[in-house]
Amino acid sequence: MPGYLTTHVLDTARGCPAEGLKIDLYRIDGDTRTHLRALTTNADGRTDSQILPEAEFETGTYELVFHAGAYLDACGVPAEDPRFLDLIPLRFGMSEASHYHVPLLLSPFGYSTYRGS
């Protein structure tokens, strides 16, 4: 089975996909954090391509950074100073070649995630 990584971001406060949210992917090796790519969610709250495609998949530790503050600003959510949620880092491990789906449910004052399918 090939390995790859996807996400889906839903804006639970507005009840819709989170379109236009920037996501950065990093690989973590000990104390080294290497930026692999930046993507932006489409109208369905997904990226147009796999975040980590099959051809580049390796097991290991990764981090997705969701730029929630900029997304909330673009949606017109009134900002506090500082905003309660700005960057949301999710660090996780991928231990086998499989489909890893890491969704984010987002609101201005909270978020949740899980390993999806």
N, C-alpha and C. Protein backbone atom coordinates (compact mmCIF):
# COMPACT_ATOMS: atom_id res chain seq x y z
N MET A 1 0.84 -1.18 0.00
CA MET A 1 0.00 0.00 0.00
C MET A 1 0.89 1.25 0.00
N PRO A 2 0.60 2.17 -0.86
CA PRO A 2 1.41 3.40 -0.90
C PRO A 2 1.09 4.33 0.27
N GLY A 3 2.07 5.12 0.67
CA GLY A 3 1.86 6.09 1.72
C GLY A 3 1.70 7.49 1.14
N TYR A 4 0.83 8.27 1.75
CA TYR A 4 0.66 9.67 1.38
C TYR A 4 -0.10 10.39 2.48
N LEU A 5 -0.12 11.73 2.42
CA LEU A 5 -0.72 12.55 3.46
C LEU A 5 -1.71 13.54 2.85
N THR A 6 -2.90 13.64 3.48
CA THR A 6 -3.92 14.60 3.05
C THR A 6 -4.51 15.29 4.29
N THR A 7 -5.29 16.34 4.03
CA THR A 7 -6.01 17.03 5.10
C THR A 7 -7.34 17.54 4.57
N HIS A 8 -8.17 17.99 5.49
CA HIS A 8 -9.44 18.63 5.17
C HIS A 8 -9.70 19.58 6.32
N VAL A 9 -9.89 20.86 6.03
CA VAL A 9 -10.09 21.86 7.08
C VAL A 9 -11.52 22.39 6.98
N LEU A 10 -12.24 22.27 8.10
CA LEU A 10 -13.62 22.74 8.16
C LEU A 10 -13.72 23.86 9.18
N ASP A 11 -14.41 24.91 8.81
CA ASP A 11 -14.67 26.05 9.69
C ASP A 11 -15.97 25.73 10.42
N THR A 12 -15.86 25.25 11.66
CA THR A 12 -17.04 24.82 12.39
C THR A 12 -17.88 26.00 12.88
N ALA A 13 -17.30 27.17 13.01
CA ALA A 13 -18.06 28.35 13.44
C ALA A 13 -18.99 28.84 12.33
N ARG A 14 -18.52 28.74 11.09
CA ARG A 14 -19.32 29.21 9.95
C ARG A 14 -20.05 28.07 9.25
N GLY A 15 -19.69 26.83 9.60
CA GLY A 15 -20.35 25.68 8.99
C GLY A 15 -20.01 25.46 7.55
N CYS A 16 -18.72 25.64 7.20
CA CYS A 16 -18.32 25.49 5.80
C CYS A 16 -16.85 25.07 5.72
N PRO A 17 -16.41 24.63 4.54
CA PRO A 17 -14.99 24.35 4.36
C PRO A 17 -14.17 25.63 4.53
N ALA A 18 -12.96 25.48 5.03
CA ALA A 18 -12.06 26.63 5.23
C ALA A 18 -11.24 26.85 3.97
N GLU A 19 -11.77 27.66 3.07
CA GLU A 19 -11.10 27.95 1.80
C GLU A 19 -10.05 29.04 2.01
N GLY A 20 -8.86 28.85 1.38
CA GLY A 20 -7.82 29.87 1.41
C GLY A 20 -6.93 29.82 2.64
N LEU A 21 -6.93 28.72 3.36
CA LEU A 21 -6.10 28.59 4.56
C LEU A 21 -4.73 28.01 4.16
N LYS A 22 -3.67 28.72 4.49
CA LYS A 22 -2.31 28.28 4.16
C LYS A 22 -1.87 27.20 5.15
N ILE A 23 -1.17 26.19 4.62
CA ILE A 23 -0.64 25.09 5.41
C ILE A 23 0.81 24.87 5.02
N ASP A 24 1.69 24.75 6.01
CA ASP A 24 3.09 24.40 5.78
C ASP A 24 3.34 23.00 6.30
N LEU A 25 4.14 22.23 5.56
CA LEU A 25 4.54 20.88 5.97
C LEU A 25 6.02 20.88 6.28
N TYR A 26 6.37 20.30 7.43
CA TYR A 26 7.76 20.15 7.86
C TYR A 26 8.04 18.69 8.17
N ARG A 27 9.27 18.28 7.93
CA ARG A 27 9.76 16.97 8.40
C ARG A 27 10.62 17.25 9.62
N ILE A 28 10.46 16.44 10.66
CA ILE A 28 11.19 16.61 11.90
C ILE A 28 12.19 15.46 12.04
N ASP A 29 13.47 15.79 12.15
CA ASP A 29 14.53 14.81 12.40
C ASP A 29 15.32 15.28 13.61
N GLY A 30 14.98 14.76 14.80
CA GLY A 30 15.63 15.21 16.02
C GLY A 30 15.31 16.67 16.25
N ASP A 31 16.35 17.51 16.30
CA ASP A 31 16.17 18.95 16.49
C ASP A 31 16.06 19.71 15.17
N THR A 32 16.12 19.00 14.05
CA THR A 32 16.07 19.64 12.74
C THR A 32 14.65 19.63 12.19
N ARG A 33 14.20 20.79 11.80
CA ARG A 33 12.85 20.97 11.24
C ARG A 33 13.02 21.49 9.81
N THR A 34 12.66 20.66 8.82
CA THR A 34 12.88 21.00 7.41
C THR A 34 11.55 21.29 6.72
N HIS A 35 11.44 22.48 6.14
CA HIS A 35 10.22 22.85 5.42
C HIS A 35 10.17 22.11 4.09
N LEU A 36 9.08 21.39 3.84
CA LEU A 36 8.95 20.62 2.60
C LEU A 36 8.08 21.32 1.57
N ARG A 37 7.00 21.97 2.01
CA ARG A 37 6.14 22.65 1.05
C ARG A 37 5.09 23.49 1.76
N ALA A 38 4.51 24.40 1.00
CA ALA A 38 3.39 25.22 1.45
C ALA A 38 2.25 25.02 0.47
N LEU A 39 1.05 24.86 1.00
CA LEU A 39 -0.14 24.68 0.17
C LEU A 39 -1.25 25.54 0.74
N THR A 40 -2.31 25.71 -0.04
CA THR A 40 -3.47 26.47 0.40
C THR A 40 -4.72 25.65 0.10
N THR A 41 -5.68 25.69 1.02
CA THR A 41 -6.90 24.93 0.83
C THR A 41 -7.78 25.53 -0.26
N ASN A 42 -8.49 24.66 -0.94
CA ASN A 42 -9.39 25.08 -2.02
C ASN A 42 -10.81 25.29 -1.48
N ALA A 43 -11.78 25.44 -2.35
CA ALA A 43 -13.16 25.73 -1.95
C ALA A 43 -13.78 24.61 -1.12
N ASP A 44 -13.22 23.41 -1.20
CA ASP A 44 -13.71 22.27 -0.43
C ASP A 44 -12.95 22.11 0.89
N GLY A 45 -12.00 23.02 1.18
CA GLY A 45 -11.21 22.92 2.40
C GLY A 45 -10.10 21.89 2.33
N ARG A 46 -9.80 21.43 1.13
CA ARG A 46 -8.74 20.44 0.90
C ARG A 46 -7.64 21.08 0.06
N THR A 47 -6.51 20.45 -0.01
CA THR A 47 -5.46 20.93 -0.92
C THR A 47 -5.68 20.27 -2.28
N ASP A 48 -5.25 20.94 -3.34
CA ASP A 48 -5.46 20.42 -4.69
C ASP A 48 -4.64 19.17 -4.98
N SER A 49 -3.58 18.98 -4.23
CA SER A 49 -2.76 17.78 -4.37
C SER A 49 -2.46 17.22 -2.99
N GLN A 50 -1.96 16.01 -2.95
CA GLN A 50 -1.60 15.42 -1.66
C GLN A 50 -0.54 16.29 -0.99
N ILE A 51 -0.64 16.45 0.30
CA ILE A 51 0.34 17.26 1.03
C ILE A 51 1.71 16.60 0.95
N LEU A 52 1.76 15.32 1.15
CA LEU A 52 2.97 14.53 0.96
C LEU A 52 2.61 13.40 0.01
N PRO A 53 2.98 13.53 -1.27
CA PRO A 53 2.58 12.53 -2.26
C PRO A 53 3.35 11.21 -2.10
N GLU A 54 2.78 10.18 -2.72
CA GLU A 54 3.36 8.84 -2.66
C GLU A 54 4.84 8.82 -3.03
N ALA A 55 5.22 9.54 -4.07
CA ALA A 55 6.61 9.51 -4.55
C ALA A 55 7.60 10.07 -3.54
N GLU A 56 7.13 10.88 -2.58
CA GLU A 56 8.02 11.50 -1.59
C GLU A 56 7.80 10.96 -0.18
N PHE A 57 6.88 10.02 -0.03
CA PHE A 57 6.53 9.54 1.30
C PHE A 57 7.68 8.80 1.97
N GLU A 58 7.92 9.14 3.21
CA GLU A 58 8.84 8.41 4.09
C GLU A 58 8.20 8.38 5.47
N THR A 59 8.39 7.26 6.18
CA THR A 59 7.91 7.23 7.55
C THR A 59 8.74 8.22 8.36
N GLY A 60 8.19 8.65 9.49
CA GLY A 60 8.90 9.59 10.34
C GLY A 60 7.96 10.56 11.02
N THR A 61 8.54 11.60 11.57
CA THR A 61 7.78 12.62 12.29
C THR A 61 7.62 13.85 11.41
N TYR A 62 6.42 14.37 11.37
CA TYR A 62 6.08 15.52 10.53
C TYR A 62 5.32 16.55 11.34
N GLU A 63 5.24 17.75 10.79
CA GLU A 63 4.45 18.80 11.42
C GLU A 63 3.70 19.56 10.33
N LEU A 64 2.40 19.72 10.54
CA LEU A 64 1.59 20.59 9.71
C LEU A 64 1.37 21.87 10.52
N VAL A 65 1.56 23.02 9.89
CA VAL A 65 1.28 24.29 10.54
C VAL A 65 0.16 24.96 9.76
N PHE A 66 -0.97 25.13 10.43
CA PHE A 66 -2.15 25.74 9.83
C PHE A 66 -2.15 27.22 10.20
N HIS A 67 -2.24 28.10 9.21
CA HIS A 67 -2.21 29.55 9.42
C HIS A 67 -3.63 30.04 9.71
N ALA A 68 -4.11 29.70 10.88
CA ALA A 68 -5.50 29.98 11.26
C ALA A 68 -5.76 31.48 11.41
N GLY A 69 -4.84 32.22 12.00
CA GLY A 69 -5.04 33.65 12.22
C GLY A 69 -5.26 34.40 10.93
N ALA A 70 -4.44 34.14 9.94
CA ALA A 70 -4.59 34.82 8.64
C ALA A 70 -5.91 34.43 7.99
N TYR A 71 -6.30 33.17 8.12
CA TYR A 71 -7.59 32.72 7.58
C TYR A 71 -8.73 33.45 8.27
N LEU A 72 -8.70 33.51 9.61
CA LEU A 72 -9.76 34.19 10.36
C LEU A 72 -9.81 35.68 10.02
N ASP A 73 -8.64 36.29 9.84
CA ASP A 73 -8.60 37.70 9.43
C ASP A 73 -9.30 37.88 8.09
N ALA A 74 -9.00 37.00 7.13
CA ALA A 74 -9.58 37.10 5.79
C ALA A 74 -11.09 36.88 5.81
N CYS A 75 -11.58 36.14 6.80
CA CYS A 75 -13.02 35.88 6.92
C CYS A 75 -13.74 37.00 7.66
N GLY A 76 -12.99 37.98 8.15
CA GLY A 76 -13.60 39.10 8.85
C GLY A 76 -13.92 38.84 10.31
N VAL A 77 -13.33 37.79 10.88
CA VAL A 77 -13.54 37.51 12.31
C VAL A 77 -12.80 38.58 13.10
N PRO A 78 -13.49 39.30 13.98
CA PRO A 78 -12.81 40.35 14.76
C PRO A 78 -11.61 39.78 15.52
N ALA A 79 -10.50 40.48 15.42
CA ALA A 79 -9.26 39.99 16.02
C ALA A 79 -9.05 40.58 17.40
N GLU A 80 -8.57 39.75 18.31
CA GLU A 80 -8.09 40.23 19.59
C GLU A 80 -6.62 40.59 19.38
N ASP A 81 -6.01 41.21 20.35
CA ASP A 81 -4.59 41.54 20.23
C ASP A 81 -3.84 40.98 21.44
N PRO A 82 -3.19 39.86 21.31
CA PRO A 82 -3.05 39.03 20.10
C PRO A 82 -4.26 38.10 19.90
N ARG A 83 -4.37 37.60 18.68
CA ARG A 83 -5.46 36.67 18.36
C ARG A 83 -5.25 35.39 19.17
N PHE A 84 -6.36 34.81 19.69
CA PHE A 84 -6.28 33.59 20.49
C PHE A 84 -5.61 32.46 19.71
N LEU A 85 -6.06 32.20 18.48
CA LEU A 85 -5.43 31.19 17.62
C LEU A 85 -4.79 31.88 16.43
N ASP A 86 -3.51 31.61 16.24
CA ASP A 86 -2.82 32.16 15.07
C ASP A 86 -2.26 31.00 14.27
N LEU A 87 -1.09 30.53 14.61
CA LEU A 87 -0.52 29.35 13.96
C LEU A 87 -0.87 28.12 14.79
N ILE A 88 -1.35 27.08 14.12
CA ILE A 88 -1.68 25.83 14.81
C ILE A 88 -0.73 24.75 14.31
N PRO A 89 0.27 24.38 15.13
CA PRO A 89 1.19 23.31 14.73
C PRO A 89 0.66 21.95 15.20
N LEU A 90 0.63 20.98 14.30
CA LEU A 90 0.25 19.61 14.64
C LEU A 90 1.42 18.70 14.30
N ARG A 91 2.04 18.14 15.33
CA ARG A 91 3.18 17.24 15.12
C ARG A 91 2.70 15.80 15.31
N PHE A 92 3.04 14.94 14.36
CA PHE A 92 2.53 13.58 14.37
C PHE A 92 3.53 12.65 13.69
N GLY A 93 3.38 11.37 13.93
CA GLY A 93 4.25 10.37 13.32
C GLY A 93 3.51 9.54 12.30
N MET A 94 4.25 9.14 11.28
CA MET A 94 3.73 8.21 10.27
C MET A 94 4.66 7.00 10.28
N SER A 95 4.16 5.88 10.79
CA SER A 95 5.01 4.72 11.06
C SER A 95 4.98 3.64 9.99
N GLU A 96 4.08 3.78 9.02
CA GLU A 96 3.98 2.78 7.96
C GLU A 96 3.48 3.44 6.68
N ALA A 97 3.69 2.77 5.57
CA ALA A 97 3.19 3.27 4.29
C ALA A 97 1.68 3.06 4.27
N SER A 98 0.96 4.15 4.40
CA SER A 98 -0.49 4.11 4.49
C SER A 98 -1.02 5.50 4.14
N HIS A 99 -2.32 5.63 3.98
CA HIS A 99 -2.93 6.94 3.78
C HIS A 99 -3.13 7.57 5.15
N TYR A 100 -2.43 8.66 5.39
CA TYR A 100 -2.60 9.44 6.62
C TYR A 100 -3.42 10.66 6.26
N HIS A 101 -4.55 10.81 6.95
CA HIS A 101 -5.43 11.95 6.73
C HIS A 101 -5.53 12.68 8.06
N VAL A 102 -5.09 13.95 8.08
CA VAL A 102 -5.05 14.73 9.31
C VAL A 102 -5.94 15.96 9.13
N PRO A 103 -7.24 15.82 9.45
CA PRO A 103 -8.16 16.94 9.29
C PRO A 103 -8.07 17.93 10.45
N LEU A 104 -8.58 19.13 10.22
CA LEU A 104 -8.63 20.15 11.26
C LEU A 104 -10.03 20.73 11.28
N LEU A 105 -10.66 20.72 12.44
CA LEU A 105 -11.94 21.38 12.67
C LEU A 105 -11.61 22.66 13.42
N LEU A 106 -11.96 23.80 12.85
CA LEU A 106 -11.46 25.09 13.32
C LEU A 106 -12.60 26.05 13.65
N SER A 107 -12.43 26.78 14.76
CA SER A 107 -13.27 27.93 15.08
C SER A 107 -12.33 28.99 15.66
N PRO A 108 -12.80 30.22 15.86
CA PRO A 108 -11.89 31.26 16.36
C PRO A 108 -11.29 30.97 17.75
N PHE A 109 -11.94 30.10 18.53
CA PHE A 109 -11.46 29.86 19.89
C PHE A 109 -11.18 28.40 20.21
N GLY A 110 -11.07 27.57 19.19
CA GLY A 110 -10.75 26.17 19.44
C GLY A 110 -10.56 25.41 18.14
N TYR A 111 -9.96 24.23 18.28
CA TYR A 111 -9.78 23.34 17.14
C TYR A 111 -9.66 21.91 17.63
N SER A 112 -9.86 20.98 16.74
CA SER A 112 -9.63 19.57 17.04
C SER A 112 -9.11 18.89 15.79
N THR A 113 -8.48 17.76 16.02
CA THR A 113 -7.93 16.98 14.92
C THR A 113 -7.99 15.50 15.30
N TYR A 114 -7.72 14.65 14.35
CA TYR A 114 -7.72 13.21 14.59
C TYR A 114 -7.09 12.56 13.36
N ARG A 115 -6.78 11.28 13.46
CA ARG A 115 -6.33 10.56 12.28
C ARG A 115 -7.56 10.05 11.55
N GLY A 116 -7.82 10.61 10.41
CA GLY A 116 -8.99 10.24 9.63
C GLY A 116 -8.69 9.16 8.62
N SER A 117 -9.63 8.96 7.74
CA SER A 117 -9.45 7.92 6.73
C SER A 117 -9.74 8.48 5.34
